[in-house]
PDB file of N, CA and C in Angstrom:
ATOM      1  N   MET A   1      -9.424  -7.069-103.309  1.00  0.00           N
ATOM      2  CA  MET A   1     -10.245  -6.070-103.969  1.00  0.00           C
ATOM      3  C   MET A   1     -10.025  -4.726-103.290  1.00  0.00           C
ATOM      4  N   ARG A   2     -10.079  -3.704-104.083  1.00  0.00           N
ATOM      5  CA  ARG A   2      -9.986  -2.346-103.543  1.00  0.00           C
ATOM      6  C   ARG A   2     -11.058  -1.504-104.240  1.00  0.00           C
ATOM      7  N   THR A   3     -11.376  -0.394-103.621  1.00  0.00           N
ATOM      8  CA  THR A   3     -12.394   0.463-104.206  1.00  0.00           C
ATOM      9  C   THR A   3     -11.733   1.603-104.966  1.00  0.00           C
ATOM     10  N   GLU A   4     -12.358   1.957-106.077  1.00  0.00           N
ATOM     11  CA  GLU A   4     -11.971   3.137-106.848  1.00  0.00           C
ATOM     12  C   GLU A   4     -13.281   3.831-107.211  1.00  0.00           C
ATOM     13  N   GLY A   5     -13.657   4.790-106.388  1.00  0.00           N
ATOM     14  CA  GLY A   5     -14.925   5.480-106.606  1.00  0.00           C
ATOM     15  C   GLY A   5     -16.097   4.539-106.402  1.00  0.00           C
ATOM     16  N   ASP A   6     -16.903   4.349-107.444  1.00  0.00           N
ATOM     17  CA  ASP A   6     -18.061   3.470-107.326  1.00  0.00           C
ATOM     18  C   ASP A   6     -17.808   2.097-107.956  1.00  0.00           C
ATOM     19  N   THR A   7     -16.523   1.678-107.969  1.00  0.00           N
ATOM     20  CA  THR A   7     -16.134   0.411-108.581  1.00  0.00           C
ATOM     21  C   THR A   7     -15.217  -0.373-107.657  1.00  0.00           C
ATOM     22  N   TRP A   8     -15.391  -1.715-107.616  1.00  0.00           N
ATOM     23  CA  TRP A   8     -14.460  -2.617-106.949  1.00  0.00           C
ATOM     24  C   TRP A   8     -13.471  -3.075-108.014  1.00  0.00           C
ATOM     25  N   VAL A   9     -12.164  -3.062-107.694  1.00  0.00           N
ATOM     26  CA  VAL A   9     -11.138  -3.472-108.639  1.00  0.00           C
ATOM     27  C   VAL A   9     -10.277  -4.553-108.002  1.00  0.00           C
ATOM     28  N   CYS A  10     -10.101  -5.664-108.723  1.00  0.00           N
ATOM     29  CA  CYS A  10      -9.253  -6.754-108.238  1.00  0.00           C
ATOM     30  C   CYS A  10      -7.797  -6.364-108.445  1.00  0.00           C
ATOM     31  N   GLY A  11      -6.990  -6.449-107.373  1.00  0.00           N
ATOM     32  CA  GLY A  11      -5.585  -6.092-107.458  1.00  0.00           C
ATOM     33  C   GLY A  11      -4.758  -7.090-108.240  1.00  0.00           C
ATOM     34  N   SER A  12      -5.239  -8.309-108.415  1.00  0.00           N
ATOM     35  CA  SER A  12      -4.488  -9.330-109.141  1.00  0.00           C
ATOM     36  C   SER A  12      -4.744  -9.289-110.636  1.00  0.00           C
ATOM     37  N   CYS A  13      -6.010  -9.295-111.028  1.00  0.00           N
ATOM     38  CA  CYS A  13      -6.322  -9.404-112.462  1.00  0.00           C
ATOM     39  C   CYS A  13      -6.885  -8.118-113.069  1.00  0.00           C
ATOM     40  N   GLY A  14      -7.246  -7.129-112.240  1.00  0.00           N
ATOM     41  CA  GLY A  14      -7.771  -5.871-112.761  1.00  0.00           C
ATOM     42  C   GLY A  14      -9.259  -5.896-113.066  1.00  0.00           C
ATOM     43  N   ASN A  15      -9.945  -7.015-112.782  1.00  0.00           N
ATOM     44  CA  ASN A  15     -11.379  -7.097-113.027  1.00  0.00           C
ATOM     45  C   ASN A  15     -12.102  -6.004-112.244  1.00  0.00           C
ATOM     46  N   GLU A  16     -13.086  -5.381-112.868  1.00  0.00           N
ATOM     47  CA  GLU A  16     -13.848  -4.306-112.224  1.00  0.00           C
ATOM     48  C   GLU A  16     -15.315  -4.711-112.103  1.00  0.00           C
ATOM     49  N   GLU A  17     -15.895  -4.427-110.954  1.00  0.00           N
ATOM     50  CA  GLU A  17     -17.314  -4.675-110.699  1.00  0.00           C
ATOM     51  C   GLU A  17     -17.895  -3.428-110.045  1.00  0.00           C
ATOM     52  N   PRO A  18     -19.137  -3.046-110.399  1.00  0.00           N
ATOM     53  CA  PRO A  18     -19.757  -1.884-109.743  1.00  0.00           C
ATOM     54  C   PRO A  18     -20.030  -2.175-108.274  1.00  0.00           C
ATOM     55  N   ARG A  19     -19.911  -1.147-107.449  1.00  0.00           N
ATOM     56  CA  ARG A  19     -20.207  -1.300-106.024  1.00  0.00           C
ATOM     57  C   ARG A  19     -21.711  -1.330-105.811  1.00  0.00           C
ATOM     58  N   ASP A  20     -22.153  -2.080-104.809  1.00  0.00           N
ATOM     59  CA  ASP A  20     -23.557  -2.199-104.448  1.00  0.00           C
ATOM     60  C   ASP A  20     -23.692  -1.690-103.018  1.00  0.00           C
ATOM     61  N   SER A  21     -24.157  -0.444-102.857  1.00  0.00           N
ATOM     62  CA  SER A  21     -24.196   0.172-101.532  1.00  0.00           C
ATOM     63  C   SER A  21     -25.105  -0.583-100.563  1.00  0.00           C
ATOM     64  N   GLU A  22     -26.202  -1.183-101.039  1.00  0.00           N
ATOM     65  CA  GLU A  22     -27.080  -1.943-100.156  1.00  0.00           C
ATOM     66  C   GLU A  22     -26.380  -3.194 -99.631  1.00  0.00           C
ATOM     67  N   ALA A  23     -25.698  -3.908-100.502  1.00  0.00           N
ATOM     68  CA  ALA A  23     -24.993  -5.119-100.083  1.00  0.00           C
ATOM     69  C   ALA A  23     -23.846  -4.770 -99.142  1.00  0.00           C
ATOM     70  N   GLU A  24     -23.144  -3.685 -99.417  1.00  0.00           N
ATOM     71  CA  GLU A  24     -22.031  -3.274 -98.563  1.00  0.00           C
ATOM     72  C   GLU A  24     -22.511  -2.829 -97.192  1.00  0.00           C
ATOM     73  N   ALA A  25     -23.673  -2.200 -97.128  1.00  0.00           N
ATOM     74  CA  ALA A  25     -24.212  -1.755 -95.842  1.00  0.00           C
ATOM     75  C   ALA A  25     -24.550  -2.943 -94.947  1.00  0.00           C
ATOM     76  N   ALA A  26     -24.889  -4.074 -95.561  1.00  0.00           N
ATOM     77  CA  ALA A  26     -25.234  -5.270 -94.784  1.00  0.00           C
ATOM     78  C   ALA A  26     -23.998  -6.038 -94.319  1.00  0.00           C
ATOM     79  N   MET A  27     -22.825  -5.704 -94.844  1.00  0.00           N
ATOM     80  CA  MET A  27     -21.601  -6.404 -94.457  1.00  0.00           C
ATOM     81  C   MET A  27     -21.110  -5.927 -93.102  1.00  0.00           C
ATOM     82  N   THR A  28     -20.572  -6.845 -92.322  1.00  0.00           N
ATOM     83  CA  THR A  28     -20.005  -6.515 -91.020  1.00  0.00           C
ATOM     84  C   THR A  28     -18.514  -6.793 -91.054  1.00  0.00           C
ATOM     85  N   PRO A  29     -17.684  -5.772 -90.854  1.00  0.00           N
ATOM     86  CA  PRO A  29     -16.243  -6.006 -90.876  1.00  0.00           C
ATOM     87  C   PRO A  29     -15.807  -6.887 -89.705  1.00  0.00           C
ATOM     88  N   GLN A  30     -14.806  -7.711 -89.939  1.00  0.00           N
ATOM     89  CA  GLN A  30     -14.221  -8.533 -88.892  1.00  0.00           C
ATOM     90  C   GLN A  30     -13.230  -7.675 -88.112  1.00  0.00           C
ATOM     91  N   ASP A  31     -12.754  -8.178 -86.980  1.00  0.00           N
ATOM     92  CA  ASP A  31     -11.786  -7.444 -86.172  1.00  0.00           C
ATOM     93  C   ASP A  31     -10.617  -6.988 -87.026  1.00  0.00           C
ATOM     94  N   GLU A  32     -10.242  -5.763 -86.862  1.00  0.00           N
ATOM     95  CA  GLU A  32      -9.090  -5.122 -87.499  1.00  0.00           C
ATOM     96  C   GLU A  32      -9.236  -4.953 -89.005  1.00  0.00           C
ATOM     97  N   GLN A  33     -10.414  -5.179 -89.599  1.00  0.00           N
ATOM     98  CA  GLN A  33     -10.613  -4.909 -91.016  1.00  0.00           C
ATOM     99  C   GLN A  33     -11.045  -3.460 -91.172  1.00  0.00           C
ATOM    100  N   ARG A  34     -10.631  -2.882 -92.273  1.00  0.00           N
ATOM    101  CA  ARG A  34     -11.033  -1.519 -92.578  1.00  0.00           C
ATOM    102  C   ARG A  34     -10.888  -1.288 -94.079  1.00  0.00           C
ATOM    103  N   ASP A  35     -11.575  -0.315 -94.590  1.00  0.00           N
ATOM    104  CA  ASP A  35     -11.474   0.026 -96.002  1.00  0.00           C
ATOM    105  C   ASP A  35     -10.675   1.315 -96.101  1.00  0.00           C
ATOM    106  N   ASP A  36      -9.376   1.157 -96.270  1.00  0.00           N
ATOM    107  CA  ASP A  36      -8.523   2.344 -96.387  1.00  0.00           C
ATOM    108  C   ASP A  36      -7.832   2.366 -97.748  1.00  0.00           C
ATOM    109  N   GLY A  37      -8.534   1.884 -98.760  1.00  0.00           N
ATOM    110  CA  GLY A  37      -7.986   1.921-100.107  1.00  0.00           C
ATOM    111  C   GLY A  37      -7.083   0.727-100.364  1.00  0.00           C
ATOM    112  N   HIS A  38      -5.810   0.985-100.458  1.00  0.00           N
ATOM    113  CA  HIS A  38      -4.851  -0.058-100.792  1.00  0.00           C
ATOM    114  C   HIS A  38      -4.244  -0.653 -99.528  1.00  0.00           C
ATOM    115  N   PRO A  39      -4.454  -1.953 -99.277  1.00  0.00           N
ATOM    116  CA  PRO A  39      -3.866  -2.573 -98.090  1.00  0.00           C
ATOM    117  C   PRO A  39      -2.369  -2.758 -98.269  1.00  0.00           C
ATOM    118  N   PRO A  40      -1.630  -2.808 -97.173  1.00  0.00           N
ATOM    119  CA  PRO A  40      -0.198  -3.051 -97.298  1.00  0.00           C
ATOM    120  C   PRO A  40       0.043  -4.457 -97.824  1.00  0.00           C
ATOM    121  N   VAL A  41       1.026  -4.602 -98.685  1.00  0.00           N
ATOM    122  CA  VAL A  41       1.355  -5.905 -99.253  1.00  0.00           C
ATOM    123  C   VAL A  41       2.643  -6.386 -98.608  1.00  0.00           C
ATOM    124  N   VAL A  42       2.591  -7.570 -98.060  1.00  0.00           N
ATOM    125  CA  VAL A  42       3.764  -8.153 -97.419  1.00  0.00           C
ATOM    126  C   VAL A  42       4.260  -9.274 -98.302  1.00  0.00           C
ATOM    127  N   ASP A  43       5.527  -9.252 -98.624  1.00  0.00           N
ATOM    128  CA  ASP A  43       6.128 -10.286 -99.455  1.00  0.00           C
ATOM    129  C   ASP A  43       6.613 -11.407 -98.562  1.00  0.00           C
ATOM    130  N   GLY A  44       5.784 -12.422 -98.365  1.00  0.00           N
ATOM    131  CA  GLY A  44       6.134 -13.540 -97.507  1.00  0.00           C
ATOM    132  C   GLY A  44       7.187 -14.443 -98.098  1.00  0.00           C
ATOM    133  N   THR A  45       7.505 -14.270 -99.371  1.00  0.00           N
ATOM    134  CA  THR A  45       8.499 -15.119-100.009  1.00  0.00           C
ATOM    135  C   THR A  45       9.845 -14.437-100.166  1.00  0.00           C
ATOM    136  N   GLN A  46       9.981 -13.216 -99.670  1.00  0.00           N
ATOM    137  CA  GLN A  46      11.212 -12.438 -99.871  1.00  0.00           C
ATOM    138  C   GLN A  46      12.469 -13.211 -99.483  1.00  0.00           C
ATOM    139  N   ASP A  47      12.463 -13.888 -98.359  1.00  0.00           N
ATOM    140  CA  ASP A  47      13.646 -14.595 -97.912  1.00  0.00           C
ATOM    141  C   ASP A  47      13.516 -16.109 -98.049  1.00  0.00           C
ATOM    142  N   ALA A  48      12.490 -16.570 -98.721  1.00  0.00           N
ATOM    143  CA  ALA A  48      12.302 -18.008 -98.894  1.00  0.00           C
ATOM    144  C   ALA A  48      13.318 -18.560 -99.882  1.00  0.00           C
ATOM    145  N   SER A  49      13.693 -19.810 -99.712  1.00  0.00           N
ATOM    146  CA  SER A  49      14.725 -20.401-100.554  1.00  0.00           C
ATOM    147  C   SER A  49      14.277 -20.568-102.003  1.00  0.00           C
ATOM    148  N   GLU A  50      12.965 -20.619-102.267  1.00  0.00           N
ATOM    149  CA  GLU A  50      12.504 -20.804-103.633  1.00  0.00           C
ATOM    150  C   GLU A  50      12.349 -19.503-104.408  1.00  0.00           C
ATOM    151  N   THR A  51      12.829 -18.404-103.885  1.00  0.00           N
ATOM    152  CA  THR A  51      12.835 -17.156-104.640  1.00  0.00           C
ATOM    153  C   THR A  51      14.274 -16.771-104.942  1.00  0.00           C
ATOM    154  N   MET A  52      14.415 -15.948-105.947  1.00  0.00           N
ATOM    155  CA  MET A  52      15.747 -15.490-106.303  1.00  0.00           C
ATOM    156  C   MET A  52      15.664 -14.099-106.922  1.00  0.00           C
ATOM    157  N   GLU A  53      16.789 -13.458-107.021  1.00  0.00           N
ATOM    158  CA  GLU A  53      16.832 -12.155-107.658  1.00  0.00           C
ATOM    159  C   GLU A  53      16.705 -12.370-109.155  1.00  0.00           C
ATOM    160  N   ALA A  54      15.679 -11.753-109.748  1.00  0.00           N
ATOM    161  CA  ALA A  54      15.438 -11.865-111.185  1.00  0.00           C
ATOM    162  C   ALA A  54      14.597 -10.677-111.616  1.00  0.00           C
ATOM    163  N   HIS A  55      15.014  -9.985-112.655  1.00  0.00           N
ATOM    164  CA  HIS A  55      14.287  -8.814-113.150  1.00  0.00           C
ATOM    165  C   HIS A  55      13.045  -9.266-113.908  1.00  0.00           C
ATOM    166  N   CYS A  56      11.891  -8.730-113.547  1.00  0.00           N
ATOM    167  CA  CYS A  56      10.635  -9.064-114.207  1.00  0.00           C
ATOM    168  C   CYS A  56      10.576  -8.382-115.577  1.00  0.00           C
ATOM    169  N   PRO A  57      10.289  -9.147-116.645  1.00  0.00           N
ATOM    170  CA  PRO A  57      10.225  -8.551-117.984  1.00  0.00           C
ATOM    171  C   PRO A  57       8.882  -7.898-118.328  1.00  0.00           C
ATOM    172  N   ALA A  58       7.924  -7.918-117.413  1.00  0.00           N
ATOM    173  CA  ALA A  58       6.599  -7.344-117.709  1.00  0.00           C
ATOM    174  C   ALA A  58       6.684  -5.827-117.828  1.00  0.00           C
ATOM    175  N   ASP A  59       5.939  -5.287-118.778  1.00  0.00           N
ATOM    176  CA  ASP A  59       5.878  -3.836-118.953  1.00  0.00           C
ATOM    177  C   ASP A  59       5.334  -3.173-117.703  1.00  0.00           C
ATOM    178  N   GLY A  60       6.001  -2.153-117.216  1.00  0.00           N
ATOM    179  CA  GLY A  60       5.544  -1.385-116.071  1.00  0.00           C
ATOM    180  C   GLY A  60       5.863  -1.989-114.722  1.00  0.00           C
ATOM    181  N   CYS A  61       6.537  -3.144-114.681  1.00  0.00           N
ATOM    182  CA  CYS A  61       6.885  -3.755-113.404  1.00  0.00           C
ATOM    183  C   CYS A  61       8.378  -3.598-113.160  1.00  0.00           C
ATOM    184  N   ASP A  62       8.721  -3.143-111.969  1.00  0.00           N
ATOM    185  CA  ASP A  62      10.125  -2.991-111.595  1.00  0.00           C
ATOM    186  C   ASP A  62      10.551  -4.094-110.629  1.00  0.00           C
ATOM    187  N   GLY A  63       9.778  -5.198-110.582  1.00  0.00           N
ATOM    188  CA  GLY A  63      10.077  -6.291-109.662  1.00  0.00           C
ATOM    189  C   GLY A  63      11.463  -6.873-109.905  1.00  0.00           C
ATOM    190  N   ASP A  64      12.155  -7.196-108.810  1.00  0.00           N
ATOM    191  CA  ASP A  64      13.497  -7.758-108.928  1.00  0.00           C
ATOM    192  C   ASP A  64      13.614  -9.078-108.168  1.00  0.00           C
ATOM    193  N   ARG A  65      12.471  -9.702-107.849  1.00  0.00           N
ATOM    194  CA  ARG A  65      12.467 -10.955-107.098  1.00  0.00           C
ATOM    195  C   ARG A  65      11.408 -11.876-107.700  1.00  0.00           C
ATOM    196  N   ALA A  66      11.724 -13.149-107.862  1.00  0.00           N
ATOM    197  CA  ALA A  66      10.785 -14.096-108.447  1.00  0.00           C
ATOM    198  C   ALA A  66      10.902 -15.455-107.775  1.00  0.00           C
ATOM    199  N   SER A  67       9.771 -16.126-107.663  1.00  0.00           N
ATOM    200  CA  SER A  67       9.800 -17.523-107.242  1.00  0.00           C
ATOM    201  C   SER A  67       9.958 -18.338-108.520  1.00  0.00           C
ATOM    202  N   TYR A  68      10.363 -19.586-108.379  1.00  0.00           N
ATOM    203  CA  TYR A  68      10.506 -20.408-109.569  1.00  0.00           C
ATOM    204  C   TYR A  68      10.237 -21.866-109.253  1.00  0.00           C
ATOM    205  N   GLU A  69       9.933 -22.593-110.294  1.00  0.00           N
ATOM    206  CA  GLU A  69       9.777 -24.035-110.182  1.00  0.00           C
ATOM    207  C   GLU A  69      10.405 -24.666-111.409  1.00  0.00           C
ATOM    208  N   ARG A  70      10.897 -25.866-111.230  1.00  0.00           N
ATOM    209  CA  ARG A  70      11.501 -26.604-112.349  1.00  0.00           C
ATOM    210  C   ARG A  70      10.434 -27.488-112.973  1.00  0.00           C
ATOM    211  N   ARG A  71      10.344 -27.428-114.292  1.00  0.00           N
ATOM    212  CA  ARG A  71       9.386 -28.259-115.024  1.00  0.00           C
ATOM    213  C   ARG A  71      10.140 -29.029-116.100  1.00  0.00           C
ATOM    214  N   PRO A  72       9.758 -30.281-116.319  1.00  0.00           N
ATOM    215  CA  PRO A  72      10.424 -31.047-117.381  1.00  0.00           C
ATOM    216  C   PRO A  72      10.038 -30.503-118.756  1.00  0.00           C
ATOM    217  N   LYS A  73      10.999 -30.486-119.668  1.00  0.00           N
ATOM    218  CA  LYS A  73      10.701 -30.120-121.052  1.00  0.00           C
ATOM    219  C   LYS A  73       9.997 -31.297-121.711  1.00  0.00           C
ATOM    220  N   PRO A  74       9.199 -31.022-122.731  1.00  0.00           N
ATOM    221  CA  PRO A  74       8.564 -32.132-123.454  1.00  0.00           C
ATOM    222  C   PRO A  74       9.631 -33.106-123.951  1.00  0.00           C
ATOM    223  N   GLY A  75       9.397 -34.370-123.792  1.00  0.00           N
ATOM    224  CA  GLY A  75      10.374 -35.378-124.177  1.00  0.00           C
ATOM    225  C   GLY A  75      11.232 -35.815-123.010  1.00  0.00           C
ATOM    226  N   GLY A  76      11.203 -35.057-121.922  1.00  0.00           N
ATOM    227  CA  GLY A  76      11.902 -35.419-120.701  1.00  0.00           C
ATOM    228  C   GLY A  76      13.414 -35.348-120.753  1.00  0.00           C
ATOM    229  N   SER A  77      13.975 -34.656-121.752  1.00  0.00           N
ATOM    230  CA  SER A  77      15.428 -34.620-121.869  1.00  0.00           C
ATOM    231  C   SER A  77      16.091 -33.698-120.855  1.00  0.00           C
ATOM    232  N   SER A  78      15.400 -32.662-120.418  1.00  0.00           N
ATOM    233  CA  SER A  78      15.962 -31.733-119.439  1.00  0.00           C
ATOM    234  C   SER A  78      14.832 -30.962-118.763  1.00  0.00           C
ATOM    235  N   GLU A  79      15.209 -29.991-117.946  1.00  0.00           N
ATOM    236  CA  GLU A  79      14.223 -29.179-117.237  1.00  0.00           C
ATOM    237  C   GLU A  79      14.357 -27.719-117.636  1.00  0.00           C
ATOM    238  N   VAL A  80      13.291 -26.966-117.395  1.00  0.00           N
ATOM    239  CA  VAL A  80      13.304 -25.521-117.597  1.00  0.00           C
ATOM    240  C   VAL A  80      12.751 -24.886-116.330  1.00  0.00           C
ATOM    241  N   ARG A  81      13.279 -23.725-115.966  1.00  0.00           N
ATOM    242  CA  ARG A  81      12.750 -23.015-114.803  1.00  0.00           C
ATOM    243  C   ARG A  81      11.676 -22.042-115.271  1.00  0.00           C
ATOM    244  N   VAL A  82      10.555 -22.047-114.555  1.00  0.00           N
ATOM    245  CA  VAL A  82       9.457 -21.115-114.824  1.00  0.00           C
ATOM    246  C   VAL A  82       9.405 -20.159-113.646  1.00  0.00           C
ATOM    247  N   PHE A  83       9.568 -18.860-113.933  1.00  0.00           N
ATOM    248  CA  PHE A  83       9.616 -17.823-112.913  1.00  0.00           C
ATOM    249  C   PHE A  83       8.264 -17.140-112.769  1.00  0.00           C
ATOM    250  N   THR A  84       7.945 -16.694-111.545  1.00  0.00           N
ATOM    251  CA  THR A  84       6.761 -15.891-111.272  1.00  0.00           C
ATOM    252  C   THR A  84       7.205 -14.687-110.456  1.00  0.00           C
ATOM    253  N   CYS A  85       6.938 -13.489-110.969  1.00  0.00           N
ATOM    254  CA  CYS A  85       7.330 -12.259-110.286  1.00  0.00           C
ATOM    255  C   CYS A  85       6.571 -12.135-108.964  1.00  0.00           C
ATOM    256  N   VAL A  86       7.300 -11.878-107.890  1.00  0.00           N
ATOM    257  CA  VAL A  86       6.691 -11.717-106.567  1.00  0.00           C
ATOM    258  C   VAL A  86       5.854 -10.440-106.534  1.00  0.00           C
ATOM    259  N   GLU A  87       6.243  -9.436-107.298  1.00  0.00           N
ATOM    260  CA  GLU A  87       5.573  -8.140-107.288  1.00  0.00           C
ATOM    261  C   GLU A  87       4.247  -8.152-108.051  1.00  0.00           C
ATOM    262  N   CYS A  88       4.251  -8.650-109.311  1.00  0.00           N
ATOM    263  CA  CYS A  88       3.049  -8.528-110.143  1.00  0.00           C
ATOM    264  C   CYS A  88       2.432  -9.854-110.573  1.00  0.00           C
ATOM    265  N   GLY A  89       3.121 -10.970-110.347  1.00  0.00           N
ATOM    266  CA  GLY A  89       2.572 -12.268-110.706  1.00  0.00           C
ATOM    267  C   GLY A  89       2.843 -12.700-112.135  1.00  0.00           C
ATOM    268  N   HIS A  90       3.553 -11.875-112.924  1.00  0.00           N
ATOM    269  CA  HIS A  90       3.879 -12.234-114.312  1.00  0.00           C
ATOM    270  C   HIS A  90       4.736 -13.502-114.321  1.00  0.00           C
ATOM    271  N   THR A  91       4.496 -14.386-115.301  1.00  0.00           N
ATOM    272  CA  THR A  91       5.218 -15.650-115.402  1.00  0.00           C
ATOM    273  C   THR A  91       6.022 -15.688-116.700  1.00  0.00           C
ATOM    274  N   TRP A  92       7.248 -16.211-116.623  1.00  0.00           N
ATOM    275  CA  TRP A  92       8.078 -16.362-117.801  1.00  0.00           C
ATOM    276  C   TRP A  92       9.021 -17.542-117.633  1.00  0.00           C
ATOM    277  N   ARG A  93       9.527 -18.044-118.765  1.00  0.00           N
ATOM    278  CA  ARG A  93      10.471 -19.169-118.752  1.00  0.00           C
ATOM    279  C   ARG A  93      11.898 -18.668-118.814  1.00  0.00           C
ATOM    280  N   GLU A  94      12.788 -19.478-118.293  1.00  0.00           N
ATOM    281  CA  GLU A  94      14.216 -19.192-118.365  1.00  0.00           C
ATOM    282  C   GLU A  94      14.633 -19.275-119.826  1.00  0.00           C
ATOM    283  N   THR A  95      15.427 -18.316-120.265  1.00  0.00           N
ATOM    284  CA  THR A  95      15.901 -18.331-121.652  1.00  0.00           C
ATOM    285  C   THR A  95      17.304 -18.860-121.753  1.00  0.00           C
TER     286      THR A  95
END
């Protein structure tokens, strides 16, 4: 979650919730936590064997890396790869 004015915004799904100043005042940050807007994002899968170079087809995403998993096609005759963009989380099937 990140703050945008008087709103909390989820970085994954975009859900927005109003901020509650009383509830936030009662919160105690843990060591090394801070509210500096957008936290740095570390791609822990960048060099993992289950990721590969693949252009994300989502509008507005310039991601060029995706994780993937093999799933059986209905009927079990073969498999299809399902990709997930490391940058935005968009999912698509191999064509």
